[in-house]
Each structure stands twice: as C-alpha cells, then as structure tokens.
PDB file of all heavy atoms in Angstrom:
ATOM      1  N   ARG A   1     100.511  99.664 106.191  1.00  0.00           N
ATOM      2  CA  ARG A   1     100.305  99.321 104.788  1.00  0.00           C
ATOM      3  C   ARG A   1     100.090 100.599 103.981  1.00  0.00           C
ATOM      4  O   ARG A   1      99.520 101.568 104.493  1.00  0.00           O
ATOM      5  CB  ARG A   1      99.080  98.409 104.625  1.00  0.00           C
ATOM      6  CG  ARG A   1      99.206  97.054 105.283  1.00  0.00           C
ATOM      7  CD  ARG A   1     100.164  96.156 104.509  1.00  0.00           C
ATOM      8  NE  ARG A   1     100.179  94.794 105.038  1.00  0.00           N
ATOM      9  CZ  ARG A   1     100.952  94.363 106.009  1.00  0.00           C
ATOM     10  NH1 ARG A   1     101.795  95.208 106.615  1.00  0.00           N
ATOM     11  NH2 ARG A   1     100.905  93.096 106.400  1.00  0.00           N
ATOM     12  N   PRO A   2     100.491 100.619 102.712  1.00  0.00           N
ATOM     13  CA  PRO A   2     100.317 101.838 101.923  1.00  0.00           C
ATOM     14  C   PRO A   2      98.865 102.119 101.535  1.00  0.00           C
ATOM     15  O   PRO A   2      98.514 103.265 101.245  1.00  0.00           O
ATOM     16  CB  PRO A   2     101.171 101.586 100.675  1.00  0.00           C
ATOM     17  CG  PRO A   2     101.294 100.109 100.579  1.00  0.00           C
ATOM     18  CD  PRO A   2     101.267  99.599 101.986  1.00  0.00           C
ATOM     19  N   PHE A   3      98.019 101.085 101.555  1.00  0.00           N
ATOM     20  CA  PHE A   3      96.640 101.257 101.117  1.00  0.00           C
ATOM     21  C   PHE A   3      95.685 100.590 102.101  1.00  0.00           C
ATOM     22  O   PHE A   3      96.068  99.671 102.829  1.00  0.00           O
ATOM     23  CB  PHE A   3      96.436 100.666  99.718  1.00  0.00           C
ATOM     24  CG  PHE A   3      97.265 101.355  98.660  1.00  0.00           C
ATOM     25  CD1 PHE A   3      98.433 100.775  98.189  1.00  0.00           C
ATOM     26  CD2 PHE A   3      96.879 102.591  98.165  1.00  0.00           C
ATOM     27  CE1 PHE A   3      99.206 101.418  97.226  1.00  0.00           C
ATOM     28  CE2 PHE A   3      97.651 103.246  97.210  1.00  0.00           C
ATOM     29  CZ  PHE A   3      98.806 102.656  96.740  1.00  0.00           C
ATOM     30  N   ALA A   4      94.449 101.026 102.084  1.00  0.00           N
ATOM     31  CA  ALA A   4      93.436 100.437 102.953  1.00  0.00           C
ATOM     32  C   ALA A   4      93.226  98.965 102.619  1.00  0.00           C
ATOM     33  O   ALA A   4      92.904  98.157 103.491  1.00  0.00           O
ATOM     34  CB  ALA A   4      92.122 101.201 102.827  1.00  0.00           C
ATOM     35  N   ALA A   5      93.401  98.604 101.341  1.00  0.00           N
ATOM     36  CA  ALA A   5      93.241  97.219 100.906  1.00  0.00           C
ATOM     37  C   ALA A   5      94.499  96.383 101.128  1.00  0.00           C
ATOM     38  O   ALA A   5      94.484  95.188 100.874  1.00  0.00           O
ATOM     39  CB  ALA A   5      92.839  97.170  99.436  1.00  0.00           C
ATOM     40  N   GLY A   6      95.581  96.999 101.584  1.00  0.00           N
ATOM     41  CA  GLY A   6      96.811  96.264 101.844  1.00  0.00           C
ATOM     42  C   GLY A   6      98.008  96.828 101.109  1.00  0.00           C
ATOM     43  O   GLY A   6      98.223  98.035 101.078  1.00  0.00           O
ATOM     44  N   ARG A   7      98.775  95.968 100.472  1.00  0.00           N
ATOM     45  CA  ARG A   7      99.996  96.402  99.794  1.00  0.00           C
ATOM     46  C   ARG A   7      99.724  97.010  98.425  1.00  0.00           C
ATOM     47  O   ARG A   7     100.585  97.668  97.847  1.00  0.00           O
ATOM     48  CB  ARG A   7     100.967  95.228  99.658  1.00  0.00           C
ATOM     49  CG  ARG A   7     101.407  94.671 101.010  1.00  0.00           C
ATOM     50  CD  ARG A   7     102.566  93.715 100.890  1.00  0.00           C
ATOM     51  NE  ARG A   7     102.900  93.142 102.188  1.00  0.00           N
ATOM     52  CZ  ARG A   7     103.626  93.764 103.120  1.00  0.00           C
ATOM     53  NH1 ARG A   7     104.080  94.976 102.892  1.00  0.00           N
ATOM     54  NH2 ARG A   7     103.888  93.165 104.278  1.00  0.00           N
ATOM     55  N   ALA A   8      98.540  96.791  97.912  1.00  0.00           N
ATOM     56  CA  ALA A   8      98.130  97.366  96.632  1.00  0.00           C
ATOM     57  C   ALA A   8      96.729  97.937  96.783  1.00  0.00           C
ATOM     58  O   ALA A   8      95.962  97.494  97.641  1.00  0.00           O
ATOM     59  CB  ALA A   8      98.163  96.303  95.534  1.00  0.00           C
ATOM     60  N   PRO A   9      96.371  98.929  95.976  1.00  0.00           N
ATOM     61  CA  PRO A   9      95.045  99.531  96.115  1.00  0.00           C
ATOM     62  C   PRO A   9      93.938  98.591  95.673  1.00  0.00           C
ATOM     63  O   PRO A   9      94.126  97.733  94.801  1.00  0.00           O
ATOM     64  CB  PRO A   9      95.126 100.752  95.193  1.00  0.00           C
ATOM     65  CG  PRO A   9      96.151 100.394  94.169  1.00  0.00           C
ATOM     66  CD  PRO A   9      97.156  99.553  94.893  1.00  0.00           C
ATOM     67  N   GLY A  10      92.788  98.759  96.287  1.00  0.00           N
ATOM     68  CA  GLY A  10      91.606  97.974  95.934  1.00  0.00           C
ATOM     69  C   GLY A  10      90.365  98.829  96.065  1.00  0.00           C
ATOM     70  O   GLY A  10      90.436 100.041  96.322  1.00  0.00           O
ATOM     71  N   TYR A  11      89.219  98.203  95.928  1.00  0.00           N
ATOM     72  CA  TYR A  11      87.982  98.975  95.918  1.00  0.00           C
ATOM     73  C   TYR A  11      87.727  99.670  97.256  1.00  0.00           C
ATOM     74  O   TYR A  11      87.110 100.729  97.292  1.00  0.00           O
ATOM     75  CB  TYR A  11      86.807  98.089  95.531  1.00  0.00           C
ATOM     76  CG  TYR A  11      85.603  98.893  95.095  1.00  0.00           C
ATOM     77  CD1 TYR A  11      85.699  99.823  94.061  1.00  0.00           C
ATOM     78  CD2 TYR A  11      84.372  98.734  95.717  1.00  0.00           C
ATOM     79  CE1 TYR A  11      84.601 100.564  93.658  1.00  0.00           C
ATOM     80  CE2 TYR A  11      83.264  99.468  95.316  1.00  0.00           C
ATOM     81  CZ  TYR A  11      83.388 100.393  94.288  1.00  0.00           C
ATOM     82  OH  TYR A  11      82.299 101.140  93.905  1.00  0.00           O
ATOM     83  N   ALA A  12      88.215  99.114  98.353  1.00  0.00           N
ATOM     84  CA  ALA A  12      88.075  99.785  99.644  1.00  0.00           C
ATOM     85  C   ALA A  12      88.727 101.168  99.610  1.00  0.00           C
ATOM     86  O   ALA A  12      88.202 102.141 100.171  1.00  0.00           O
ATOM     87  CB  ALA A  12      88.683  98.942 100.761  1.00  0.00           C
ATOM     88  N   ASP A  13      89.867 101.262  98.949  1.00  0.00           N
ATOM     89  CA  ASP A  13      90.537 102.559  98.809  1.00  0.00           C
ATOM     90  C   ASP A  13      89.697 103.513  97.980  1.00  0.00           C
ATOM     91  O   ASP A  13      89.574 104.701  98.317  1.00  0.00           O
ATOM     92  CB  ASP A  13      91.906 102.377  98.150  1.00  0.00           C
ATOM     93  CG  ASP A  13      92.878 101.628  99.045  1.00  0.00           C
ATOM     94  OD1 ASP A  13      93.477 102.266  99.916  1.00  0.00           O
ATOM     95  OD2 ASP A  13      93.019 100.405  98.865  1.00  0.00           O
ATOM     96  N   TYR A  14      89.107 103.032  96.917  1.00  0.00           N
ATOM     97  CA  TYR A  14      88.357 103.907  96.030  1.00  0.00           C
ATOM     98  C   TYR A  14      87.059 104.381  96.683  1.00  0.00           C
ATOM     99  O   TYR A  14      86.600 105.501  96.427  1.00  0.00           O
ATOM    100  CB  TYR A  14      88.078 103.209  94.703  1.00  0.00           C
ATOM    101  CG  TYR A  14      89.318 102.624  94.073  1.00  0.00           C
ATOM    102  CD1 TYR A  14      89.281 101.421  93.371  1.00  0.00           C
ATOM    103  CD2 TYR A  14      90.558 103.262  94.206  1.00  0.00           C
ATOM    104  CE1 TYR A  14      90.425 100.878  92.812  1.00  0.00           C
ATOM    105  CE2 TYR A  14      91.708 102.718  93.644  1.00  0.00           C
ATOM    106  CZ  TYR A  14      91.636 101.528  92.962  1.00  0.00           C
ATOM    107  OH  TYR A  14      92.778 100.987  92.413  1.00  0.00           O
ATOM    108  N   ILE A  15      86.478 103.547  97.538  1.00  0.00           N
ATOM    109  CA  ILE A  15      85.291 103.963  98.287  1.00  0.00           C
ATOM    110  C   ILE A  15      85.628 105.145  99.180  1.00  0.00           C
ATOM    111  O   ILE A  15      84.917 106.160  99.199  1.00  0.00           O
ATOM    112  CB  ILE A  15      84.748 102.785  99.111  1.00  0.00           C
ATOM    113  CG1 ILE A  15      84.109 101.740  98.192  1.00  0.00           C
ATOM    114  CG2 ILE A  15      83.738 103.264 100.151  1.00  0.00           C
ATOM    115  CD1 ILE A  15      83.740 100.442  98.893  1.00  0.00           C
ATOM    116  N   LEU A  16      86.697 105.030  99.956  1.00  0.00           N
ATOM    117  CA  LEU A  16      87.086 106.129 100.834  1.00  0.00           C
ATOM    118  C   LEU A  16      87.580 107.328 100.039  1.00  0.00           C
ATOM    119  O   LEU A  16      87.229 108.485 100.343  1.00  0.00           O
ATOM    120  CB  LEU A  16      88.171 105.662 101.802  1.00  0.00           C
ATOM    121  CG  LEU A  16      88.693 106.721 102.785  1.00  0.00           C
ATOM    122  CD1 LEU A  16      87.573 107.248 103.667  1.00  0.00           C
ATOM    123  CD2 LEU A  16      89.832 106.156 103.624  1.00  0.00           C
ATOM    124  N   PHE A  17      88.365 107.080  99.005  1.00  0.00           N
ATOM    125  CA  PHE A  17      88.917 108.180  98.227  1.00  0.00           C
ATOM    126  C   PHE A  17      87.822 109.000  97.567  1.00  0.00           C
ATOM    127  O   PHE A  17      87.948 110.218  97.432  1.00  0.00           O
ATOM    128  CB  PHE A  17      89.881 107.637  97.171  1.00  0.00           C
ATOM    129  CG  PHE A  17      90.504 108.703  96.328  1.00  0.00           C
ATOM    130  CD1 PHE A  17      91.457 109.557  96.859  1.00  0.00           C
ATOM    131  CD2 PHE A  17      90.125 108.875  95.003  1.00  0.00           C
ATOM    132  CE1 PHE A  17      92.030 110.567  96.084  1.00  0.00           C
ATOM    133  CE2 PHE A  17      90.693 109.865  94.224  1.00  0.00           C
ATOM    134  CZ  PHE A  17      91.645 110.718  94.766  1.00  0.00           C
ATOM    135  N   GLY A  18      86.751 108.360  97.155  1.00  0.00           N
ATOM    136  CA  GLY A  18      85.651 109.096  96.550  1.00  0.00           C
ATOM    137  C   GLY A  18      85.145 110.213  97.439  1.00  0.00           C
ATOM    138  O   GLY A  18      84.784 111.294  96.953  1.00  0.00           O
ATOM    139  N   ALA A  19      85.132 109.979  98.751  1.00  0.00           N
ATOM    140  CA  ALA A  19      84.666 111.001  99.683  1.00  0.00           C
ATOM    141  C   ALA A  19      85.597 112.213  99.670  1.00  0.00           C
ATOM    142  O   ALA A  19      85.141 113.370  99.700  1.00  0.00           O
ATOM    143  CB  ALA A  19      84.574 110.413 101.092  1.00  0.00           C
ATOM    144  N   PHE A  20      86.902 111.979  99.627  1.00  0.00           N
ATOM    145  CA  PHE A  20      87.852 113.092  99.606  1.00  0.00           C
ATOM    146  C   PHE A  20      87.850 113.817  98.266  1.00  0.00           C
ATOM    147  O   PHE A  20      87.991 115.052  98.220  1.00  0.00           O
ATOM    148  CB  PHE A  20      89.251 112.585  99.952  1.00  0.00           C
ATOM    149  CG  PHE A  20      89.417 112.252 101.401  1.00  0.00           C
ATOM    150  CD1 PHE A  20      89.376 110.938 101.835  1.00  0.00           C
ATOM    151  CD2 PHE A  20      89.580 113.252 102.339  1.00  0.00           C
ATOM    152  CE1 PHE A  20      89.501 110.640 103.183  1.00  0.00           C
ATOM    153  CE2 PHE A  20      89.712 112.968 103.691  1.00  0.00           C
ATOM    154  CZ  PHE A  20      89.672 111.650 104.116  1.00  0.00           C
ATOM    155  N   GLN A  21      87.667 113.081  97.188  1.00  0.00           N
ATOM    156  CA  GLN A  21      87.638 113.723  95.882  1.00  0.00           C
ATOM    157  C   GLN A  21      86.348 114.533  95.708  1.00  0.00           C
ATOM    158  O   GLN A  21      86.342 115.563  95.031  1.00  0.00           O
ATOM    159  CB  GLN A  21      87.783 112.669  94.792  1.00  0.00           C
ATOM    160  CG  GLN A  21      88.175 113.220  93.439  1.00  0.00           C
ATOM    161  CD  GLN A  21      89.618 113.697  93.371  1.00  0.00           C
ATOM    162  OE1 GLN A  21      90.293 113.867  94.381  1.00  0.00           O
ATOM    163  NE2 GLN A  21      90.100 113.943  92.166  1.00  0.00           N
ATOM    164  N   TRP A  22      85.282 114.106  96.333  1.00  0.00           N
ATOM    165  CA  TRP A  22      84.021 114.845  96.411  1.00  0.00           C
ATOM    166  C   TRP A  22      84.283 116.233  96.983  1.00  0.00           C
ATOM    167  O   TRP A  22      83.886 117.250  96.407  1.00  0.00           O
ATOM    168  CB  TRP A  22      83.097 114.036  97.304  1.00  0.00           C
ATOM    169  CG  TRP A  22      81.747 114.542  97.647  1.00  0.00           C
ATOM    170  CD1 TRP A  22      80.935 115.366  96.916  1.00  0.00           C
ATOM    171  CD2 TRP A  22      81.003 114.187  98.817  1.00  0.00           C
ATOM    172  NE1 TRP A  22      79.742 115.541  97.562  1.00  0.00           N
ATOM    173  CE2 TRP A  22      79.766 114.827  98.733  1.00  0.00           C
ATOM    174  CE3 TRP A  22      81.280 113.387  99.929  1.00  0.00           C
ATOM    175  CZ2 TRP A  22      78.780 114.700  99.731  1.00  0.00           C
ATOM    176  CZ3 TRP A  22      80.306 113.248 100.907  1.00  0.00           C
ATOM    177  CH2 TRP A  22      79.076 113.900 100.810  1.00  0.00           C
ATOM    178  N   ALA A  23      84.961 116.272  98.125  1.00  0.00           N
ATOM    179  CA  ALA A  23      85.256 117.548  98.770  1.00  0.00           C
ATOM    180  C   ALA A  23      86.215 118.390  97.941  1.00  0.00           C
ATOM    181  O   ALA A  23      86.010 119.602  97.759  1.00  0.00           O
ATOM    182  CB  ALA A  23      85.837 117.302 100.160  1.00  0.00           C
ATOM    183  N   ARG A  24      87.265 117.766  97.412  1.00  0.00           N
ATOM    184  CA  ARG A  24      88.269 118.520  96.666  1.00  0.00           C
ATOM    185  C   ARG A  24      87.692 119.161  95.411  1.00  0.00           C
ATOM    186  O   ARG A  24      88.111 120.246  95.005  1.00  0.00           O
ATOM    187  CB  ARG A  24      89.437 117.603  96.276  1.00  0.00           C
ATOM    188  CG  ARG A  24      90.625 118.344  95.688  1.00  0.00           C
ATOM    189  CD  ARG A  24      91.752 117.395  95.318  1.00  0.00           C
ATOM    190  NE  ARG A  24      91.575 116.801  94.009  1.00  0.00           N
ATOM    191  CZ  ARG A  24      91.935 117.377  92.862  1.00  0.00           C
ATOM    192  NH1 ARG A  24      92.460 118.600  92.863  1.00  0.00           N
ATOM    193  NH2 ARG A  24      91.770 116.753  91.717  1.00  0.00           N
ATOM    194  N   ALA A  25      86.708 118.514  94.813  1.00  0.00           N
ATOM    195  CA  ALA A  25      86.117 119.037  93.582  1.00  0.00           C
ATOM    196  C   ALA A  25      85.355 120.335  93.802  1.00  0.00           C
ATOM    197  O   ALA A  25      85.234 121.144  92.876  1.00  0.00           O
ATOM    198  CB  ALA A  25      85.188 117.996  92.964  1.00  0.00           C
ATOM    199  N   VAL A  26      84.847 120.540  95.020  1.00  0.00           N
ATOM    200  CA  VAL A  26      83.939 121.673  95.231  1.00  0.00           C
ATOM    201  C   VAL A  26      84.414 122.693  96.262  1.00  0.00           C
ATOM    202  O   VAL A  26      83.882 123.799  96.325  1.00  0.00           O
ATOM    203  CB  VAL A  26      82.534 121.179  95.630  1.00  0.00           C
ATOM    204  CG1 VAL A  26      81.936 120.322  94.529  1.00  0.00           C
ATOM    205  CG2 VAL A  26      82.538 120.427  96.959  1.00  0.00           C
ATOM    206  N   SER A  27      85.407 122.341  97.069  1.00  0.00           N
ATOM    207  CA  SER A  27      85.742 123.201  98.211  1.00  0.00           C
ATOM    208  C   SER A  27      87.246 123.322  98.430  1.00  0.00           C
ATOM    209  O   SER A  27      87.972 122.320  98.331  1.00  0.00           O
ATOM    210  CB  SER A  27      85.107 122.640  99.489  1.00  0.00           C
ATOM    211  OG  SER A  27      85.499 123.387 100.633  1.00  0.00           O
ATOM    212  N   PRO A  28      87.722 124.527  98.793  1.00  0.00           N
ATOM    213  CA  PRO A  28      89.134 124.692  99.135  1.00  0.00           C
ATOM    214  C   PRO A  28      89.452 124.310 100.580  1.00  0.00           C
ATOM    215  O   PRO A  28      90.602 124.397 101.007  1.00  0.00           O
ATOM    216  CB  PRO A  28      89.356 126.196  98.914  1.00  0.00           C
ATOM    217  CG  PRO A  28      88.026 126.813  99.242  1.00  0.00           C
ATOM    218  CD  PRO A  28      87.000 125.825  98.750  1.00  0.00           C
ATOM    219  N   LEU A  29      88.459 123.867 101.331  1.00  0.00           N
ATOM    220  CA  LEU A  29      88.663 123.545 102.743  1.00  0.00           C
ATOM    221  C   LEU A  29      89.669 122.409 102.903  1.00  0.00           C
ATOM    222  O   LEU A  29      89.568 121.374 102.241  1.00  0.00           O
ATOM    223  CB  LEU A  29      87.328 123.144 103.373  1.00  0.00           C
ATOM    224  CG  LEU A  29      87.347 122.855 104.877  1.00  0.00           C
ATOM    225  CD1 LEU A  29      87.643 124.132 105.666  1.00  0.00           C
ATOM    226  CD2 LEU A  29      86.005 122.260 105.316  1.00  0.00           C
ATOM    227  N   ARG A  30      90.637 122.598 103.813  1.00  0.00           N
ATOM    228  CA  ARG A  30      91.629 121.557 104.078  1.00  0.00           C
ATOM    229  C   ARG A  30      91.055 120.563 105.085  1.00  0.00           C
ATOM    230  O   ARG A  30      90.773 120.911 106.231  1.00  0.00           O
ATOM    231  CB  ARG A  30      92.914 122.173 104.617  1.00  0.00           C
ATOM    232  CG  ARG A  30      94.058 121.170 104.743  1.00  0.00           C
ATOM    233  CD  ARG A  30      95.350 121.846 105.152  1.00  0.00           C
ATOM    234  NE  ARG A  30      95.337 122.198 106.556  1.00  0.00           N
ATOM    235  CZ  ARG A  30      96.250 122.977 107.134  1.00  0.00           C
ATOM    236  NH1 ARG A  30      97.228 123.502 106.421  1.00  0.00           N
ATOM    237  NH2 ARG A  30      96.173 123.267 108.416  1.00  0.00           N
ATOM    238  N   LEU A  31      90.908 119.330 104.675  1.00  0.00           N
ATOM    239  CA  LEU A  31      90.305 118.316 105.534  1.00  0.00           C
ATOM    240  C   LEU A  31      91.315 117.612 106.428  1.00  0.00           C
ATOM    241  O   LEU A  31      90.965 117.154 107.510  1.00  0.00           O
ATOM    242  CB  LEU A  31      89.583 117.265 104.683  1.00  0.00           C
ATOM    243  CG  LEU A  31      88.444 117.759 103.786  1.00  0.00           C
ATOM    244  CD1 LEU A  31      87.812 116.568 103.061  1.00  0.00           C
ATOM    245  CD2 LEU A  31      87.394 118.516 104.581  1.00  0.00           C
ATOM    246  N   LEU A  32      92.567 117.490 105.970  1.00  0.00           N
ATOM    247  CA  LEU A  32      93.572 116.707 106.672  1.00  0.00           C
ATOM    248  C   LEU A  32      94.838 117.516 106.878  1.00  0.00           C
ATOM    249  O   LEU A  32      95.188 118.359 106.057  1.00  0.00           O
ATOM    250  CB  LEU A  32      93.917 115.450 105.863  1.00  0.00           C
ATOM    251  CG  LEU A  32      92.777 114.485 105.553  1.00  0.00           C
ATOM    252  CD1 LEU A  32      93.227 113.454 104.521  1.00  0.00           C
ATOM    253  CD2 LEU A  32      92.295 113.795 106.815  1.00  0.00           C
ATOM    254  N   GLU A  33      95.544 117.215 107.958  1.00  0.00           N
ATOM    255  CA  GLU A  33      96.847 117.826 108.207  1.00  0.00           C
ATOM    256  C   GLU A  33      97.932 116.998 107.508  1.00  0.00           C
ATOM    257  O   GLU A  33      97.811 115.774 107.387  1.00  0.00           O
ATOM    258  CB  GLU A  33      97.133 117.901 109.705  1.00  0.00           C
ATOM    259  CG  GLU A  33      96.160 118.798 110.464  1.00  0.00           C
ATOM    260  CD  GLU A  33      96.219 120.247 110.019  1.00  0.00           C
ATOM    261  OE1 GLU A  33      97.294 120.680 109.539  1.00  0.00           O
ATOM    262  OE2 GLU A  33      95.196 120.954 110.146  1.00  0.00           O
ATOM    263  N   PRO A  34      99.006 117.641 107.061  1.00  0.00           N
ATOM    264  CA  PRO A  34     100.043 116.922 106.288  1.00  0.00           C
ATOM    265  C   PRO A  34     100.715 115.781 107.035  1.00  0.00           C
ATOM    266  O   PRO A  34     101.266 114.877 106.392  1.00  0.00           O
ATOM    267  CB  PRO A  34     101.043 118.028 105.935  1.00  0.00           C
ATOM    268  CG  PRO A  34     100.238 119.285 105.967  1.00  0.00           C
ATOM    269  CD  PRO A  34      99.231 119.097 107.063  1.00  0.00           C
ATOM    270  N   ASP A  35     100.715 115.790 108.370  1.00  0.00           N
ATOM    271  CA  ASP A  35     101.355 114.703 109.110  1.00  0.00           C
ATOM    272  C   ASP A  35     100.418 113.528 109.386  1.00  0.00           C
ATOM    273  O   ASP A  35     100.793 112.561 110.052  1.00  0.00           O
ATOM    274  CB  ASP A  35     101.948 115.224 110.422  1.00  0.00           C
ATOM    275  CG  ASP A  35     100.898 115.813 111.365  1.00  0.00           C
ATOM    276  OD1 ASP A  35      99.731 115.981 110.946  1.00  0.00           O
ATOM    277  OD2 ASP A  35     101.256 116.120 112.516  1.00  0.00           O
ATOM    278  N   ASP A  36      99.210 113.585 108.864  1.00  0.00           N
ATOM    279  CA  ASP A  36      98.219 112.527 109.054  1.00  0.00           C
ATOM    280  C   ASP A  36      98.514 111.386 108.078  1.00  0.00           C
ATOM    281  O   ASP A  36      98.682 111.626 106.882  1.00  0.00           O
ATOM    282  CB  ASP A  36      96.819 113.111 108.786  1.00  0.00           C
ATOM    283  CG  ASP A  36      95.693 112.173 109.195  1.00  0.00           C
ATOM    284  OD1 ASP A  36      95.877 110.943 109.163  1.00  0.00           O
ATOM    285  OD2 ASP A  36      94.606 112.693 109.534  1.00  0.00           O
ATOM    286  N   PRO A  37      98.591 110.144 108.545  1.00  0.00           N
ATOM    287  CA  PRO A  37      98.785 109.024 107.612  1.00  0.00           C
ATOM    288  C   PRO A  37      97.718 108.964 106.517  1.00  0.00           C
ATOM    289  O   PRO A  37      97.991 108.481 105.416  1.00  0.00           O
ATOM    290  CB  PRO A  37      98.715 107.784 108.513  1.00  0.00           C
ATOM    291  CG  PRO A  37      99.086 108.271 109.875  1.00  0.00           C
ATOM    292  CD  PRO A  37      98.574 109.685 109.958  1.00  0.00           C
ATOM    293  N   VAL A  38      96.528 109.463 106.819  1.00  0.00           N
ATOM    294  CA  VAL A  38      95.470 109.468 105.806  1.00  0.00           C
ATOM    295  C   VAL A  38      95.804 110.461 104.692  1.00  0.00           C
ATOM    296  O   VAL A  38      95.480 110.241 103.529  1.00  0.00           O
ATOM    297  CB  VAL A  38      94.099 109.789 106.439  1.00  0.00           C
ATOM    298  CG1 VAL A  38      92.990 109.681 105.392  1.00  0.00           C
ATOM    299  CG2 VAL A  38      93.800 108.836 107.599  1.00  0.00           C
ATOM    300  N   TYR A  39      96.474 111.543 105.043  1.00  0.00           N
ATOM    301  CA  TYR A  39      96.916 112.523 104.043  1.00  0.00           C
ATOM    302  C   TYR A  39      97.903 111.872 103.072  1.00  0.00           C
ATOM    303  O   TYR A  39      97.775 112.018 101.856  1.00  0.00           O
ATOM    304  CB  TYR A  39      97.570 113.706 104.755  1.00  0.00           C
ATOM    305  CG  TYR A  39      98.011 114.848 103.865  1.00  0.00           C
ATOM    306  CD1 TYR A  39      97.269 116.025 103.806  1.00  0.00           C
ATOM    307  CD2 TYR A  39      99.186 114.776 103.113  1.00  0.00           C
ATOM    308  CE1 TYR A  39      97.677 117.090 103.010  1.00  0.00           C
ATOM    309  CE2 TYR A  39      99.598 115.824 102.307  1.00  0.00           C
ATOM    310  CZ  TYR A  39      98.842 116.984 102.268  1.00  0.00           C
ATOM    311  OH  TYR A  39      99.250 118.030 101.472  1.00  0.00           O
ATOM    312  N   ALA A  40      98.872 111.123 103.621  1.00  0.00           N
ATOM    313  CA  ALA A  40      99.862 110.458 102.771  1.00  0.00           C
ATOM    314  C   ALA A  40      99.191 109.407 101.889  1.00  0.00           C
ATOM    315  O   ALA A  40      99.550 109.254 100.707  1.00  0.00           O
ATOM    316  CB  ALA A  40     100.953 109.827 103.638  1.00  0.00           C
ATOM    317  N   TRP A  41      98.223 108.683 102.451  1.00  0.00           N
ATOM    318  CA  TRP A  41      97.475 107.709 101.653  1.00  0.00           C
ATOM    319  C   TRP A  41      96.737 108.405 100.506  1.00  0.00           C
ATOM    320  O   TRP A  41      96.768 107.928  99.363  1.00  0.00           O
ATOM    321  CB  TRP A  41      96.478 106.984 102.555  1.00  0.00           C
ATOM    322  CG  TRP A  41      95.371 106.307 101.821  1.00  0.00           C
ATOM    323  CD1 TRP A  41      95.395 105.060 101.267  1.00  0.00           C
ATOM    324  CD2 TRP A  41      94.084 106.849 101.522  1.00  0.00           C
ATOM    325  NE1 TRP A  41      94.193 104.778 100.649  1.00  0.00           N
ATOM    326  CE2 TRP A  41      93.369 105.871 100.794  1.00  0.00           C
ATOM    327  CE3 TRP A  41      93.451 108.059 101.810  1.00  0.00           C
ATOM    328  CZ2 TRP A  41      92.061 106.070 100.354  1.00  0.00           C
ATOM    329  CZ3 TRP A  41      92.151 108.269 101.377  1.00  0.00           C
ATOM    330  CH2 TRP A  41      91.486 107.286 100.644  1.00  0.00           C
ATOM    331  N   ARG A  42      96.083 109.529 100.805  1.00  0.00           N
ATOM    332  CA  ARG A  42      95.355 110.242  99.753  1.00  0.00           C
ATOM    333  C   ARG A  42      96.306 110.669  98.638  1.00  0.00           C
ATOM    334  O   ARG A  42      95.964 110.578  97.456  1.00  0.00           O
ATOM    335  CB  ARG A  42      94.638 111.459 100.335  1.00  0.00           C
ATOM    336  CG  ARG A  42      93.804 112.223  99.316  1.00  0.00           C
ATOM    337  CD  ARG A  42      93.100 113.416  99.938  1.00  0.00           C
ATOM    338  NE  ARG A  42      94.042 114.333 100.553  1.00  0.00           N
ATOM    339  CZ  ARG A  42      93.676 115.436 101.226  1.00  0.00           C
ATOM    340  NH1 ARG A  42      92.407 115.731 101.366  1.00  0.00           N
ATOM    341  NH2 ARG A  42      94.592 116.218 101.751  1.00  0.00           N
ATOM    342  N   GLU A  43      97.498 111.107  98.986  1.00  0.00           N
ATOM    343  CA  GLU A  43      98.488 111.471  97.974  1.00  0.00           C
ATOM    344  C   GLU A  43      98.820 110.274  97.073  1.00  0.00           C
ATOM    345  O   GLU A  43      98.932 110.414  95.853  1.00  0.00           O
ATOM    346  CB  GLU A  43      99.763 111.976  98.650  1.00  0.00           C
ATOM    347  CG  GLU A  43      99.610 113.338  99.322  1.00  0.00           C
ATOM    348  CD  GLU A  43      99.459 114.436  98.301  1.00  0.00           C
ATOM    349  OE1 GLU A  43     100.412 114.689  97.544  1.00  0.00           O
ATOM    350  OE2 GLU A  43      98.357 115.027  98.236  1.00  0.00           O
TER     351      GLU A  43
END
C-alpha cells in the first residue's frame, strides 16, 4: 500500500511522519536508505 493507512493517507501516516520531520528539521543525519520502502513512503 502507498500509505500506512492504506490507499490514501490518514492520521496513522501523520503520526509516523511527524517523527521523521522532527529529525529533518534539526539534523542532516540520513535516517533511511533510498531503497527502503519507508523512504519512498516518506517522499
């Protein structure tokens, strides 16, 4: 599925995404590799 909530985004996606946006706002550290399905979801 393209999103954690299924075929369309939902609050489950925003809960998880908040954690990644937290890191991106403050740090240049790369958390995910480009071939990770979670990386594609974050995009």
